[in-house]
C-alpha atoms as a PDB file:
ATOM      1  CA  MET A   1       9.122-178.065 -46.568  1.00  0.00           C
ATOM      2  CA  LYS A   2       5.358-178.407 -47.043  1.00  0.00           C
ATOM      3  CA  THR A   3       2.907-177.963 -44.203  1.00  0.00           C
ATOM      4  CA  ALA A   4      -0.106-180.173 -43.592  1.00  0.00           C
ATOM      5  CA  LYS A   5      -3.614-178.865 -44.165  1.00  0.00           C
ATOM      6  CA  THR A   6      -5.411-178.040 -40.959  1.00  0.00           C
ATOM      7  CA  ASN A   7      -8.816-177.014 -42.286  1.00  0.00           C
ATOM      8  CA  THR A   8     -10.007-180.300 -43.784  1.00  0.00           C
ATOM      9  CA  LYS A   9     -13.583-181.437 -43.285  1.00  0.00           C
ATOM     10  CA  PRO A  10     -14.180-184.723 -41.478  1.00  0.00           C
ATOM     11  CA  TYR A  11     -15.806-187.533 -43.429  1.00  0.00           C
ATOM     12  CA  THR A  12     -19.564-187.850 -43.059  1.00  0.00           C
ATOM     13  CA  ARG A  13     -20.994-191.335 -42.514  1.00  0.00           C
ATOM     14  CA  HIS A  14     -24.586-191.731 -43.636  1.00  0.00           C
ATOM     15  CA  ALA A  15     -27.031-194.426 -42.572  1.00  0.00           C
ATOM     16  CA  ALA A  16     -27.754-197.327 -44.911  1.00  0.00           C
ATOM     17  CA  SER A  17     -31.254-195.917 -45.435  1.00  0.00           C
ATOM     18  CA  HIS A  18     -29.723-192.687 -46.771  1.00  0.00           C
ATOM     19  CA  LYS A  19     -27.674-194.685 -49.295  1.00  0.00           C
ATOM     20  CA  ALA A  20     -30.735-196.671 -50.344  1.00  0.00           C
ATOM     21  CA  GLU A  21     -32.692-193.457 -50.989  1.00  0.00           C
ATOM     22  CA  ALA A  22     -29.786-192.019 -52.986  1.00  0.00           C
ATOM     23  CA  LEU A  23     -29.644-195.154 -55.151  1.00  0.00           C
ATOM     24  CA  LYS A  24     -33.396-195.007 -55.793  1.00  0.00           C
ATOM     25  CA  LEU A  25     -32.969-191.393 -56.881  1.00  0.00           C
ATOM     26  CA  THR A  26     -30.177-192.366 -59.315  1.00  0.00           C
ATOM     27  CA  GLU A  27     -32.484-194.951 -60.863  1.00  0.00           C
ATOM     28  CA  ARG A  28     -35.242-192.356 -61.322  1.00  0.00           C
ATOM     29  CA  VAL A  29     -33.278-189.341 -62.575  1.00  0.00           C
ATOM     30  CA  GLY A  30     -29.807-190.654 -63.419  1.00  0.00           C
ATOM     31  CA  VAL A  31     -26.459-190.273 -61.694  1.00  0.00           C
ATOM     32  CA  PRO A  32     -25.591-186.705 -62.801  1.00  0.00           C
ATOM     33  CA  GLU A  33     -28.941-185.238 -61.739  1.00  0.00           C
ATOM     34  CA  ALA A  34     -29.031-187.196 -58.470  1.00  0.00           C
ATOM     35  CA  ALA A  35     -25.535-185.946 -57.626  1.00  0.00           C
ATOM     36  CA  ARG A  36     -26.646-182.342 -58.247  1.00  0.00           C
ATOM     37  CA  GLN A  37     -29.769-182.735 -56.120  1.00  0.00           C
ATOM     38  CA  LEU A  38     -27.846-184.331 -53.245  1.00  0.00           C
ATOM     39  CA  GLY A  39     -24.879-181.972 -53.425  1.00  0.00           C
ATOM     40  CA  LEU A  40     -22.423-184.804 -54.132  1.00  0.00           C
ATOM     41  CA  HIS A  41     -19.886-185.607 -56.831  1.00  0.00           C
ATOM     42  CA  GLU A  42     -20.989-188.182 -59.380  1.00  0.00           C
ATOM     43  CA  SER A  43     -18.134-190.449 -58.300  1.00  0.00           C
ATOM     44  CA  GLN A  44     -19.677-190.689 -54.847  1.00  0.00           C
ATOM     45  CA  LEU A  45     -22.745-192.340 -56.339  1.00  0.00           C
ATOM     46  CA  THR A  46     -21.006-194.793 -58.664  1.00  0.00           C
ATOM     47  CA  ALA A  47     -18.902-197.901 -58.219  1.00  0.00           C
ATOM     48  CA  PRO A  48     -15.200-197.152 -58.605  1.00  0.00           C
ATOM     49  CA  THR A  49     -14.585-199.381 -61.641  1.00  0.00           C
ATOM     50  CA  ASP A  50     -17.640-199.440 -63.873  1.00  0.00           C
ATOM     51  CA  GLY A  51     -19.484-196.137 -63.444  1.00  0.00           C
ATOM     52  CA  GLN A  52     -22.687-197.926 -62.465  1.00  0.00           C
ATOM     53  CA  PRO A  53     -24.648-196.906 -59.344  1.00  0.00           C
ATOM     54  CA  ALA A  54     -22.901-198.281 -56.259  1.00  0.00           C
END
């Protein structure tokens, strides 16, 4: 029997202004570099189906 993880991090909700700033950064430096600078995965900055900024 498997046991459930107990040390998971809660999701962080950011304000709309934070998302807008992140998208501006992706336009300036590209998705990979913006993800590195923000400490995020690239998939968190792109739409799920087309790879374009969300």
